[in-house]
Amino acid sequence: MPPGGPVVRCHRCGTTVDGERAGVRAVCEHCSAYLHCCRNCDFYAPGVANDCREPTAERVADKAQGNFCDYFRPPPAAQTATDPTQSTRAQLAGLFAKKTDGKHER
């Protein structure tokens, strides 16, 4: 698989699944979460209408449940992360960390 290509990764536990496609009723072998769901899709965008960047996709109420959406596609490998909050927290910690440059604070 080329670097940066689509990767199916479980939204719940972060386990990478073999292959570039997820069957409609495929589940993660590690935690049994559905793989073909909104939370694993490249179009998933919380805060956008229906939490989806695909304007013609039908509304799905439970984003973690398996669904039959024809627009489903896994995100590129560079965008997948096991826990996006960890990178956000690291950025915030760096933003608010005190800088020590050897000078006294006033």
PDB file of N, CA and C in Angstrom:
ATOM      1  N   MET A   1       0.846  -1.173   0.000  1.00  0.00           N
ATOM      2  CA  MET A   1       0.000   0.000   0.000  1.00  0.00           C
ATOM      3  C   MET A   1       0.889   1.232   0.000  1.00  0.00           C
ATOM      4  N   PRO A   2       0.614   2.247  -0.849  1.00  0.00           N
ATOM      5  CA  PRO A   2       1.440   3.436  -0.903  1.00  0.00           C
ATOM      6  C   PRO A   2       1.294   4.274   0.360  1.00  0.00           C
ATOM      7  N   PRO A   3       2.390   4.944   0.792  1.00  0.00           N
ATOM      8  CA  PRO A   3       2.288   5.786   1.975  1.00  0.00           C
ATOM      9  C   PRO A   3       1.252   6.884   1.755  1.00  0.00           C
ATOM     10  N   GLY A   4       0.455   7.151   2.778  1.00  0.00           N
ATOM     11  CA  GLY A   4      -0.570   8.185   2.663  1.00  0.00           C
ATOM     12  C   GLY A   4      -1.850   7.701   2.018  1.00  0.00           C
ATOM     13  N   GLY A   5      -1.890   6.424   1.603  1.00  0.00           N
ATOM     14  CA  GLY A   5      -3.099   5.876   1.006  1.00  0.00           C
ATOM     15  C   GLY A   5      -4.133   5.584   2.077  1.00  0.00           C
ATOM     16  N   PRO A   6      -5.346   5.180   1.666  1.00  0.00           N
ATOM     17  CA  PRO A   6      -6.388   4.910   2.651  1.00  0.00           C
ATOM     18  C   PRO A   6      -6.024   3.740   3.559  1.00  0.00           C
ATOM     19  N   VAL A   7      -6.369   3.874   4.818  1.00  0.00           N
ATOM     20  CA  VAL A   7      -6.136   2.828   5.813  1.00  0.00           C
ATOM     21  C   VAL A   7      -7.394   2.702   6.655  1.00  0.00           C
ATOM     22  N   VAL A   8      -7.862   1.481   6.848  1.00  0.00           N
ATOM     23  CA  VAL A   8      -9.003   1.270   7.715  1.00  0.00           C
ATOM     24  C   VAL A   8      -8.452   1.088   9.128  1.00  0.00           C
ATOM     25  N   ARG A   9      -8.840   2.010  10.001  1.00  0.00           N
ATOM     26  CA  ARG A   9      -8.388   1.989  11.391  1.00  0.00           C
ATOM     27  C   ARG A   9      -9.616   2.131  12.280  1.00  0.00           C
ATOM     28  N   CYS A  10      -9.700   1.307  13.286  1.00  0.00           N
ATOM     29  CA  CYS A  10     -10.845   1.330  14.188  1.00  0.00           C
ATOM     30  C   CYS A  10     -10.921   2.667  14.922  1.00  0.00           C
ATOM     31  N   HIS A  11     -12.102   3.272  14.910  1.00  0.00           N
ATOM     32  CA  HIS A  11     -12.284   4.554  15.577  1.00  0.00           C
ATOM     33  C   HIS A  11     -12.252   4.416  17.087  1.00  0.00           C
ATOM     34  N   ARG A  12     -12.540   3.240  17.605  1.00  0.00           N
ATOM     35  CA  ARG A  12     -12.612   3.059  19.057  1.00  0.00           C
ATOM     36  C   ARG A  12     -11.254   2.717  19.671  1.00  0.00           C
ATOM     37  N   CYS A  13     -10.537   1.748  19.096  1.00  0.00           N
ATOM     38  CA  CYS A  13      -9.290   1.305  19.726  1.00  0.00           C
ATOM     39  C   CYS A  13      -8.046   1.642  18.913  1.00  0.00           C
ATOM     40  N   GLY A  14      -8.204   2.062  17.656  1.00  0.00           N
ATOM     41  CA  GLY A  14      -7.071   2.454  16.838  1.00  0.00           C
ATOM     42  C   GLY A  14      -6.379   1.318  16.111  1.00  0.00           C
ATOM     43  N   THR A  15      -6.904   0.100  16.210  1.00  0.00           N
ATOM     44  CA  THR A  15      -6.298  -1.042  15.543  1.00  0.00           C
ATOM     45  C   THR A  15      -6.391  -0.884  14.029  1.00  0.00           C
ATOM     46  N   THR A  16      -5.282  -1.102  13.344  1.00  0.00           N
ATOM     47  CA  THR A  16      -5.264  -1.060  11.881  1.00  0.00           C
ATOM     48  C   THR A  16      -5.745  -2.398  11.351  1.00  0.00           C
ATOM     49  N   VAL A  17      -6.614  -2.341  10.359  1.00  0.00           N
ATOM     50  CA  VAL A  17      -7.208  -3.534   9.782  1.00  0.00           C
ATOM     51  C   VAL A  17      -6.578  -3.785   8.417  1.00  0.00           C
ATOM     52  N   ASP A  18      -6.314  -5.054   8.119  1.00  0.00           N
ATOM     53  CA  ASP A  18      -5.742  -5.400   6.825  1.00  0.00           C
ATOM     54  C   ASP A  18      -6.698  -5.040   5.704  1.00  0.00           C
ATOM     55  N   GLY A  19      -6.165  -4.499   4.632  1.00  0.00           N
ATOM     56  CA  GLY A  19      -6.968  -4.140   3.472  1.00  0.00           C
ATOM     57  C   GLY A  19      -7.337  -2.670   3.470  1.00  0.00           C
ATOM     58  N   GLU A  20      -7.793  -2.197   2.323  1.00  0.00           N
ATOM     59  CA  GLU A  20      -8.157  -0.800   2.164  1.00  0.00           C
ATOM     60  C   GLU A  20      -9.660  -0.570   2.215  1.00  0.00           C
ATOM     61  N   ARG A  21     -10.442  -1.638   2.371  1.00  0.00           N
ATOM     62  CA  ARG A  21     -11.897  -1.492   2.382  1.00  0.00           C
ATOM     63  C   ARG A  21     -12.461  -2.168   3.620  1.00  0.00           C
ATOM     64  N   ALA A  22     -13.598  -1.671   4.047  1.00  0.00           N
ATOM     65  CA  ALA A  22     -14.307  -2.275   5.173  1.00  0.00           C
ATOM     66  C   ALA A  22     -15.671  -2.704   4.683  1.00  0.00           C
ATOM     67  N   GLY A  23     -16.006  -3.958   4.892  1.00  0.00           N
ATOM     68  CA  GLY A  23     -17.328  -4.446   4.521  1.00  0.00           C
ATOM     69  C   GLY A  23     -18.396  -3.758   5.354  1.00  0.00           C
ATOM     70  N   VAL A  24     -19.611  -3.771   4.876  1.00  0.00           N
ATOM     71  CA  VAL A  24     -20.707  -3.075   5.530  1.00  0.00           C
ATOM     72  C   VAL A  24     -20.911  -3.568   6.963  1.00  0.00           C
ATOM     73  N   ARG A  25     -20.749  -4.837   7.210  1.00  0.00           N
ATOM     74  CA  ARG A  25     -20.926  -5.380   8.565  1.00  0.00           C
ATOM     75  C   ARG A  25     -19.596  -5.829   9.186  1.00  0.00           C
ATOM     76  N   ALA A  26     -18.477  -5.336   8.681  1.00  0.00           N
ATOM     77  CA  ALA A  26     -17.170  -5.693   9.242  1.00  0.00           C
ATOM     78  C   ALA A  26     -17.001  -5.062  10.618  1.00  0.00           C
ATOM     79  N   VAL A  27     -16.408  -5.814  11.528  1.00  0.00           N
ATOM     80  CA  VAL A  27     -16.149  -5.312  12.874  1.00  0.00           C
ATOM     81  C   VAL A  27     -14.673  -5.483  13.200  1.00  0.00           C
ATOM     82  N   CYS A  28     -14.207  -4.681  14.122  1.00  0.00           N
ATOM     83  CA  CYS A  28     -12.823  -4.742  14.584  1.00  0.00           C
ATOM     84  C   CYS A  28     -12.609  -6.054  15.337  1.00  0.00           C
ATOM     85  N   GLU A  29     -11.527  -6.745  15.043  1.00  0.00           N
ATOM     86  CA  GLU A  29     -11.231  -8.001  15.722  1.00  0.00           C
ATOM     87  C   GLU A  29     -10.857  -7.777  17.183  1.00  0.00           C
ATOM     88  N   HIS A  30     -10.387  -6.590  17.506  1.00  0.00           N
ATOM     89  CA  HIS A  30      -9.923  -6.296  18.866  1.00  0.00           C
ATOM     90  C   HIS A  30     -11.058  -5.867  19.802  1.00  0.00           C
ATOM     91  N   CYS A  31     -11.933  -4.938  19.350  1.00  0.00           N
ATOM     92  CA  CYS A  31     -12.954  -4.382  20.246  1.00  0.00           C
ATOM     93  C   CYS A  31     -14.392  -4.550  19.737  1.00  0.00           C
ATOM     94  N   SER A  32     -14.570  -5.146  18.573  1.00  0.00           N
ATOM     95  CA  SER A  32     -15.890  -5.429  17.978  1.00  0.00           C
ATOM     96  C   SER A  32     -16.667  -4.185  17.560  1.00  0.00           C
ATOM     97  N   ALA A  33     -16.002  -3.059  17.359  1.00  0.00           N
ATOM     98  CA  ALA A  33     -16.668  -1.854  16.852  1.00  0.00           C
ATOM     99  C   ALA A  33     -16.860  -1.998  15.340  1.00  0.00           C
ATOM    100  N   TYR A  34     -17.935  -1.419  14.826  1.00  0.00           N
ATOM    101  CA  TYR A  34     -18.154  -1.448  13.381  1.00  0.00           C
ATOM    102  C   TYR A  34     -17.080  -0.633  12.671  1.00  0.00           C
ATOM    103  N   LEU A  35     -16.604  -1.143  11.544  1.00  0.00           N
ATOM    104  CA  LEU A  35     -15.571  -0.440  10.774  1.00  0.00           C
ATOM    105  C   LEU A  35     -16.179   0.435   9.688  1.00  0.00           C
ATOM    106  N   HIS A  36     -17.308   0.002   9.115  1.00  0.00           N
ATOM    107  CA  HIS A  36     -17.974   0.782   8.064  1.00  0.00           C
ATOM    108  C   HIS A  36     -18.975   1.701   8.748  1.00  0.00           C
ATOM    109  N   CYS A  37     -18.464   2.754   9.376  1.00  0.00           N
ATOM    110  CA  CYS A  37     -19.308   3.697  10.100  1.00  0.00           C
ATOM    111  C   CYS A  37     -18.797   5.116   9.869  1.00  0.00           C
ATOM    112  N   CYS A  38     -19.613   6.075  10.217  1.00  0.00           N
ATOM    113  CA  CYS A  38     -19.263   7.485   9.996  1.00  0.00           C
ATOM    114  C   CYS A  38     -17.954   7.872  10.669  1.00  0.00           C
ATOM    115  N   ARG A  39     -17.724   7.384  11.875  1.00  0.00           N
ATOM    116  CA  ARG A  39     -16.533   7.771  12.631  1.00  0.00           C
ATOM    117  C   ARG A  39     -15.251   7.301  11.965  1.00  0.00           C
ATOM    118  N   ASN A  40     -15.316   6.314  11.067  1.00  0.00           N
ATOM    119  CA  ASN A  40     -14.140   5.825  10.341  1.00  0.00           C
ATOM    120  C   ASN A  40     -14.043   6.397   8.936  1.00  0.00           C
ATOM    121  N   CYS A  41     -14.915   7.318   8.585  1.00  0.00           N
ATOM    122  CA  CYS A  41     -14.991   7.819   7.214  1.00  0.00           C
ATOM    123  C   CYS A  41     -14.212   9.118   7.040  1.00  0.00           C
ATOM    124  N   ASP A  42     -13.643   9.294   5.866  1.00  0.00           N
ATOM    125  CA  ASP A  42     -12.913  10.520   5.533  1.00  0.00           C
ATOM    126  C   ASP A  42     -13.835  11.734   5.515  1.00  0.00           C
ATOM    127  N   PHE A  43     -15.117  11.537   5.232  1.00  0.00           N
ATOM    128  CA  PHE A  43     -16.072  12.650   5.164  1.00  0.00           C
ATOM    129  C   PHE A  43     -16.601  13.063   6.540  1.00  0.00           C
ATOM    130  N   TYR A  44     -16.332  12.282   7.584  1.00  0.00           N
ATOM    131  CA  TYR A  44     -16.841  12.584   8.922  1.00  0.00           C
ATOM    132  C   TYR A  44     -16.228  13.887   9.426  1.00  0.00           C
ATOM    133  N   ALA A  45     -17.092  14.828   9.784  1.00  0.00           N
ATOM    134  CA  ALA A  45     -16.645  16.139  10.261  1.00  0.00           C
ATOM    135  C   ALA A  45     -17.650  16.661  11.281  1.00  0.00           C
ATOM    136  N   PRO A  46     -17.411  16.423  12.568  1.00  0.00           N
ATOM    137  CA  PRO A  46     -18.336  16.915  13.581  1.00  0.00           C
ATOM    138  C   PRO A  46     -18.496  18.438  13.474  1.00  0.00           C
ATOM    139  N   GLY A  47     -19.727  18.879  13.590  1.00  0.00           N
ATOM    140  CA  GLY A  47     -20.011  20.309  13.503  1.00  0.00           C
ATOM    141  C   GLY A  47     -20.543  20.739  12.146  1.00  0.00           C
ATOM    142  N   VAL A  48     -20.283  19.966  11.115  1.00  0.00           N
ATOM    143  CA  VAL A  48     -20.813  20.239   9.783  1.00  0.00           C
ATOM    144  C   VAL A  48     -22.222  19.648   9.731  1.00  0.00           C
ATOM    145  N   ALA A  49     -23.033  20.081   8.799  1.00  0.00           N
ATOM    146  CA  ALA A  49     -24.396  19.546   8.672  1.00  0.00           C
ATOM    147  C   ALA A  49     -24.362  18.023   8.596  1.00  0.00           C
ATOM    148  N   ASN A  50     -25.119  17.375   9.455  1.00  0.00           N
ATOM    149  CA  ASN A  50     -25.159  15.912   9.559  1.00  0.00           C
ATOM    150  C   ASN A  50     -23.803  15.296   9.897  1.00  0.00           C
ATOM    151  N   ASP A  51     -22.861  16.098  10.337  1.00  0.00           N
ATOM    152  CA  ASP A  51     -21.495  15.652  10.670  1.00  0.00           C
ATOM    153  C   ASP A  51     -20.809  14.990   9.475  1.00  0.00           C
ATOM    154  N   CYS A  52     -21.148  15.430   8.263  1.00  0.00           N
ATOM    155  CA  CYS A  52     -20.609  14.829   7.052  1.00  0.00           C
ATOM    156  C   CYS A  52     -20.313  15.906   6.017  1.00  0.00           C
ATOM    157  N   ARG A  53     -19.117  15.831   5.394  1.00  0.00           N
ATOM    158  CA  ARG A  53     -18.758  16.799   4.358  1.00  0.00           C
ATOM    159  C   ARG A  53     -19.334  16.447   2.994  1.00  0.00           C
ATOM    160  N   GLU A  54     -19.961  15.282   2.871  1.00  0.00           N
ATOM    161  CA  GLU A  54     -20.616  14.889   1.622  1.00  0.00           C
ATOM    162  C   GLU A  54     -22.055  15.394   1.680  1.00  0.00           C
ATOM    163  N   PRO A  55     -22.397  16.422   0.894  1.00  0.00           N
ATOM    164  CA  PRO A  55     -23.720  17.043   1.018  1.00  0.00           C
ATOM    165  C   PRO A  55     -24.890  16.160   0.597  1.00  0.00           C
ATOM    166  N   THR A  56     -24.673  15.173  -0.239  1.00  0.00           N
ATOM    167  CA  THR A  56     -25.794  14.354  -0.699  1.00  0.00           C
ATOM    168  C   THR A  56     -25.953  13.062   0.098  1.00  0.00           C
ATOM    169  N   ALA A  57     -25.117  12.838   1.098  1.00  0.00           N
ATOM    170  CA  ALA A  57     -25.234  11.625   1.915  1.00  0.00           C
ATOM    171  C   ALA A  57     -26.450  11.723   2.823  1.00  0.00           C
ATOM    172  N   GLU A  58     -27.090  10.596   3.048  1.00  0.00           N
ATOM    173  CA  GLU A  58     -28.242  10.558   3.944  1.00  0.00           C
ATOM    174  C   GLU A  58     -27.767  10.708   5.385  1.00  0.00           C
ATOM    175  N   ARG A  59     -28.639  11.246   6.228  1.00  0.00           N
ATOM    176  CA  ARG A  59     -28.311  11.437   7.642  1.00  0.00           C
ATOM    177  C   ARG A  59     -28.227  10.085   8.348  1.00  0.00           C
ATOM    178  N   VAL A  60     -27.201   9.921   9.173  1.00  0.00           N
ATOM    179  CA  VAL A  60     -27.041   8.729   9.998  1.00  0.00           C
ATOM    180  C   VAL A  60     -27.047   9.202  11.447  1.00  0.00           C
ATOM    181  N   ALA A  61     -27.987   8.678  12.245  1.00  0.00           N
ATOM    182  CA  ALA A  61     -28.134   9.151  13.625  1.00  0.00           C
ATOM    183  C   ALA A  61     -26.968   8.708  14.512  1.00  0.00           C
ATOM    184  N   ASP A  62     -26.632   7.434  14.500  1.00  0.00           N
ATOM    185  CA  ASP A  62     -25.560   6.916  15.348  1.00  0.00           C
ATOM    186  C   ASP A  62     -24.300   6.771  14.504  1.00  0.00           C
ATOM    187  N   LYS A  63     -23.349   7.654  14.709  1.00  0.00           N
ATOM    188  CA  LYS A  63     -22.141   7.712  13.882  1.00  0.00           C
ATOM    189  C   LYS A  63     -21.195   6.540  14.112  1.00  0.00           C
ATOM    190  N   ALA A  64     -21.367   5.791  15.206  1.00  0.00           N
ATOM    191  CA  ALA A  64     -20.494   4.651  15.495  1.00  0.00           C
ATOM    192  C   ALA A  64     -21.106   3.321  15.060  1.00  0.00           C
ATOM    193  N   GLN A  65     -22.379   3.322  14.656  1.00  0.00           N
ATOM    194  CA  GLN A  65     -23.042   2.110  14.181  1.00  0.00           C
ATOM    195  C   GLN A  65     -22.674   1.847  12.733  1.00  0.00           C
ATOM    196  N   GLY A  66     -22.666   0.583  12.352  1.00  0.00           N
ATOM    197  CA  GLY A  66     -22.434   0.239  10.961  1.00  0.00           C
ATOM    198  C   GLY A  66     -23.563   0.788  10.098  1.00  0.00           C
ATOM    199  N   ASN A  67     -23.245   1.178   8.870  1.00  0.00           N
ATOM    200  CA  ASN A  67     -24.274   1.713   7.985  1.00  0.00           C
ATOM    201  C   ASN A  67     -23.991   1.314   6.541  1.00  0.00           C
ATOM    202  N   PHE A  68     -24.903   1.661   5.657  1.00  0.00           N
ATOM    203  CA  PHE A  68     -24.805   1.278   4.250  1.00  0.00           C
ATOM    204  C   PHE A  68     -24.464   2.470   3.358  1.00  0.00           C
ATOM    205  N   CYS A  69     -23.820   3.472   3.892  1.00  0.00           N
ATOM    206  CA  CYS A  69     -23.522   4.677   3.118  1.00  0.00           C
ATOM    207  C   CYS A  69     -22.618   4.353   1.925  1.00  0.00           C
ATOM    208  N   ASP A  70     -23.045   4.793   0.753  1.00  0.00           N
ATOM    209  CA  ASP A  70     -22.270   4.566  -0.465  1.00  0.00           C
ATOM    210  C   ASP A  70     -21.065   5.490  -0.571  1.00  0.00           C
ATOM    211  N   TYR A  71     -21.024   6.548   0.217  1.00  0.00           N
ATOM    212  CA  TYR A  71     -19.930   7.518   0.143  1.00  0.00           C
ATOM    213  C   TYR A  71     -18.781   7.182   1.089  1.00  0.00           C
ATOM    214  N   PHE A  72     -18.921   6.118   1.874  1.00  0.00           N
ATOM    215  CA  PHE A  72     -17.897   5.765   2.845  1.00  0.00           C
ATOM    216  C   PHE A  72     -16.543   5.544   2.166  1.00  0.00           C
ATOM    217  N   ARG A  73     -15.519   6.164   2.752  1.00  0.00           N
ATOM    218  CA  ARG A  73     -14.148   5.867   2.348  1.00  0.00           C
ATOM    219  C   ARG A  73     -13.252   6.135   3.561  1.00  0.00           C
ATOM    220  N   PRO A  74     -12.276   5.259   3.778  1.00  0.00           N
ATOM    221  CA  PRO A  74     -11.387   5.472   4.913  1.00  0.00           C
ATOM    222  C   PRO A  74     -10.496   6.685   4.664  1.00  0.00           C
ATOM    223  N   PRO A  75     -10.105   7.379   5.720  1.00  0.00           N
ATOM    224  CA  PRO A  75      -9.240   8.548   5.538  1.00  0.00           C
ATOM    225  C   PRO A  75      -7.835   8.135   5.123  1.00  0.00           C
ATOM    226  N   PRO A  76      -7.084   9.042   4.499  1.00  0.00           N
ATOM    227  CA  PRO A  76      -5.686   8.735   4.182  1.00  0.00           C
ATOM    228  C   PRO A  76      -4.923   8.422   5.461  1.00  0.00           C
ATOM    229  N   ALA A  77      -3.890   7.609   5.351  1.00  0.00           N
ATOM    230  CA  ALA A  77      -3.122   7.166   6.522  1.00  0.00           C
ATOM    231  C   ALA A  77      -2.574   8.339   7.318  1.00  0.00           C
ATOM    232  N   ALA A  78      -2.242   9.427   6.664  1.00  0.00           N
ATOM    233  CA  ALA A  78      -1.670  10.574   7.364  1.00  0.00           C
ATOM    234  C   ALA A  78      -2.680  11.230   8.292  1.00  0.00           C
ATOM    235  N   GLN A  79      -3.975  11.062   8.050  1.00  0.00           N
ATOM    236  CA  GLN A  79      -4.999  11.693   8.872  1.00  0.00           C
ATOM    237  C   GLN A  79      -5.491  10.817   9.997  1.00  0.00           C
ATOM    238  N   THR A  80      -5.211   9.520   9.969  1.00  0.00           N
ATOM    239  CA  THR A  80      -5.721   8.653  11.004  1.00  0.00           C
ATOM    240  C   THR A  80      -4.880   8.775  12.251  1.00  0.00           C
ATOM    241  N   ALA A  81      -5.526   8.705  13.374  1.00  0.00           N
ATOM    242  CA  ALA A  81      -4.844   8.772  14.665  1.00  0.00           C
ATOM    243  C   ALA A  81      -5.625   7.930  15.649  1.00  0.00           C
ATOM    244  N   THR A  82      -4.918   7.309  16.570  1.00  0.00           N
ATOM    245  CA  THR A  82      -5.610   6.475  17.539  1.00  0.00           C
ATOM    246  C   THR A  82      -6.438   7.326  18.484  1.00  0.00           C
ATOM    247  N   ASP A  83      -5.964   8.489  18.853  1.00  0.00           N
ATOM    248  CA  ASP A  83      -6.704   9.364  19.751  1.00  0.00           C
ATOM    249  C   ASP A  83      -6.394  10.806  19.399  1.00  0.00           C
ATOM    250  N   PRO A  84      -7.267  11.461  18.630  1.00  0.00           N
ATOM    251  CA  PRO A  84      -6.985  12.823  18.205  1.00  0.00           C
ATOM    252  C   PRO A  84      -6.869  13.806  19.362  1.00  0.00           C
ATOM    253  N   THR A  85      -7.460  13.479  20.505  1.00  0.00           N
ATOM    254  CA  THR A  85      -7.366  14.401  21.640  1.00  0.00           C
ATOM    255  C   THR A  85      -5.955  14.463  22.200  1.00  0.00           C
ATOM    256  N   GLN A  86      -5.181  13.397  22.029  1.00  0.00           N
ATOM    257  CA  GLN A  86      -3.813  13.412  22.541  1.00  0.00           C
ATOM    258  C   GLN A  86      -2.964  14.448  21.815  1.00  0.00           C
ATOM    259  N   SER A  87      -3.078  14.520  20.489  1.00  0.00           N
ATOM    260  CA  SER A  87      -2.296  15.514  19.753  1.00  0.00           C
ATOM    261  C   SER A  87      -2.775  16.925  20.074  1.00  0.00           C
ATOM    262  N   THR A  88      -4.077  17.090  20.276  1.00  0.00           N
ATOM    263  CA  THR A  88      -4.611  18.400  20.635  1.00  0.00           C
ATOM    264  C   THR A  88      -4.124  18.817  22.014  1.00  0.00           C
ATOM    265  N   ARG A  89      -4.138  17.885  22.943  1.00  0.00           N
ATOM    266  CA  ARG A  89      -3.649  18.194  24.291  1.00  0.00           C
ATOM    267  C   ARG A  89      -2.165  18.536  24.277  1.00  0.00           C
ATOM    268  N   ALA A  90      -1.400  17.838  23.461  1.00  0.00           N
ATOM    269  CA  ALA A  90       0.030  18.133  23.365  1.00  0.00           C
ATOM    270  C   ALA A  90       0.253  19.539  22.799  1.00  0.00           C
ATOM    271  N   GLN A  91      -0.547  19.921  21.816  1.00  0.00           N
ATOM    272  CA  GLN A  91      -0.436  21.268  21.263  1.00  0.00           C
ATOM    273  C   GLN A  91      -0.795  22.320  22.296  1.00  0.00           C
ATOM    274  N   LEU A  92      -1.851  22.073  23.074  1.00  0.00           N
ATOM    275  CA  LEU A  92      -2.243  23.020  24.114  1.00  0.00           C
ATOM    276  C   LEU A  92      -1.185  23.107  25.210  1.00  0.00           C
ATOM    277  N   ALA A  93      -0.625  21.972  25.585  1.00  0.00           N
ATOM    278  CA  ALA A  93       0.409  21.981  26.612  1.00  0.00           C
ATOM    279  C   ALA A  93       1.617  22.792  26.143  1.00  0.00           C
ATOM    280  N   GLY A  94       1.974  22.648  24.883  1.00  0.00           N
ATOM    281  CA  GLY A  94       3.084  23.427  24.333  1.00  0.00           C
ATOM    282  C   GLY A  94       2.759  24.905  24.260  1.00  0.00           C
ATOM    283  N   LEU A  95       1.522  25.227  24.001  1.00  0.00           N
ATOM    284  CA  LEU A  95       1.107  26.616  23.888  1.00  0.00           C
ATOM    285  C   LEU A  95       1.160  27.330  25.235  1.00  0.00           C
ATOM    286  N   PHE A  96       0.760  26.623  26.289  1.00  0.00           N
ATOM    287  CA  PHE A  96       0.693  27.237  27.607  1.00  0.00           C
ATOM    288  C   PHE A  96       1.883  26.910  28.503  1.00  0.00           C
ATOM    289  N   ALA A  97       2.870  26.209  27.995  1.00  0.00           N
ATOM    290  CA  ALA A  97       4.040  25.876  28.802  1.00  0.00           C
ATOM    291  C   ALA A  97       4.865  27.137  29.059  1.00  0.00           C
ATOM    292  N   LYS A  98       5.433  27.203  30.245  1.00  0.00           N
ATOM    293  CA  LYS A  98       6.280  28.352  30.569  1.00  0.00           C
ATOM    294  C   LYS A  98       7.606  28.202  29.864  1.00  0.00           C
ATOM    295  N   LYS A  99       8.052  29.269  29.296  1.00  0.00           N
ATOM    296  CA  LYS A  99       9.332  29.267  28.592  1.00  0.00           C
ATOM    297  C   LYS A  99      10.415  29.653  29.591  1.00  0.00           C
ATOM    298  N   THR A 100      11.482  28.889  29.592  1.00  0.00           N
ATOM    299  CA  THR A 100      12.613  29.208  30.475  1.00  0.00           C
ATOM    300  C   THR A 100      13.794  29.570  29.590  1.00  0.00           C
ATOM    301  N   ASP A 101      14.185  30.804  29.650  1.00  0.00           N
ATOM    302  CA  ASP A 101      15.310  31.253  28.841  1.00  0.00           C
ATOM    303  C   ASP A 101      16.440  31.767  29.717  1.00  0.00           C
ATOM    304  N   GLY A 102      16.388  31.475  31.029  1.00  0.00           N
ATOM    305  CA  GLY A 102      17.453  31.903  31.926  1.00  0.00           C
ATOM    306  C   GLY A 102      17.217  33.261  32.545  1.00  0.00           C
ATOM    307  N   LYS A 103      16.219  34.000  32.115  1.00  0.00           N
ATOM    308  CA  LYS A 103      15.903  35.295  32.676  1.00  0.00           C
ATOM    309  C   LYS A 103      14.843  35.132  33.756  1.00  0.00           C
ATOM    310  N   HIS A 104      14.832  36.025  34.706  1.00  0.00           N
ATOM    311  CA  HIS A 104      13.832  35.981  35.783  1.00  0.00           C
ATOM    312  C   HIS A 104      12.513  36.508  35.291  1.00  0.00           C
ATOM    313  N   GLU A 105      11.429  35.899  35.815  1.00  0.00           N
ATOM    314  CA  GLU A 105      10.103  36.408  35.484  1.00  0.00           C
ATOM    315  C   GLU A 105       9.806  37.619  36.333  1.00  0.00           C
ATOM    316  N   ARG A 106       9.061  38.548  35.835  1.00  0.00           N
ATOM    317  CA  ARG A 106       8.680  39.737  36.590  1.00  0.00           C
ATOM    318  C   ARG A 106       7.248  39.674  36.969  1.00  0.00           C
TER     319      ARG A 106
END
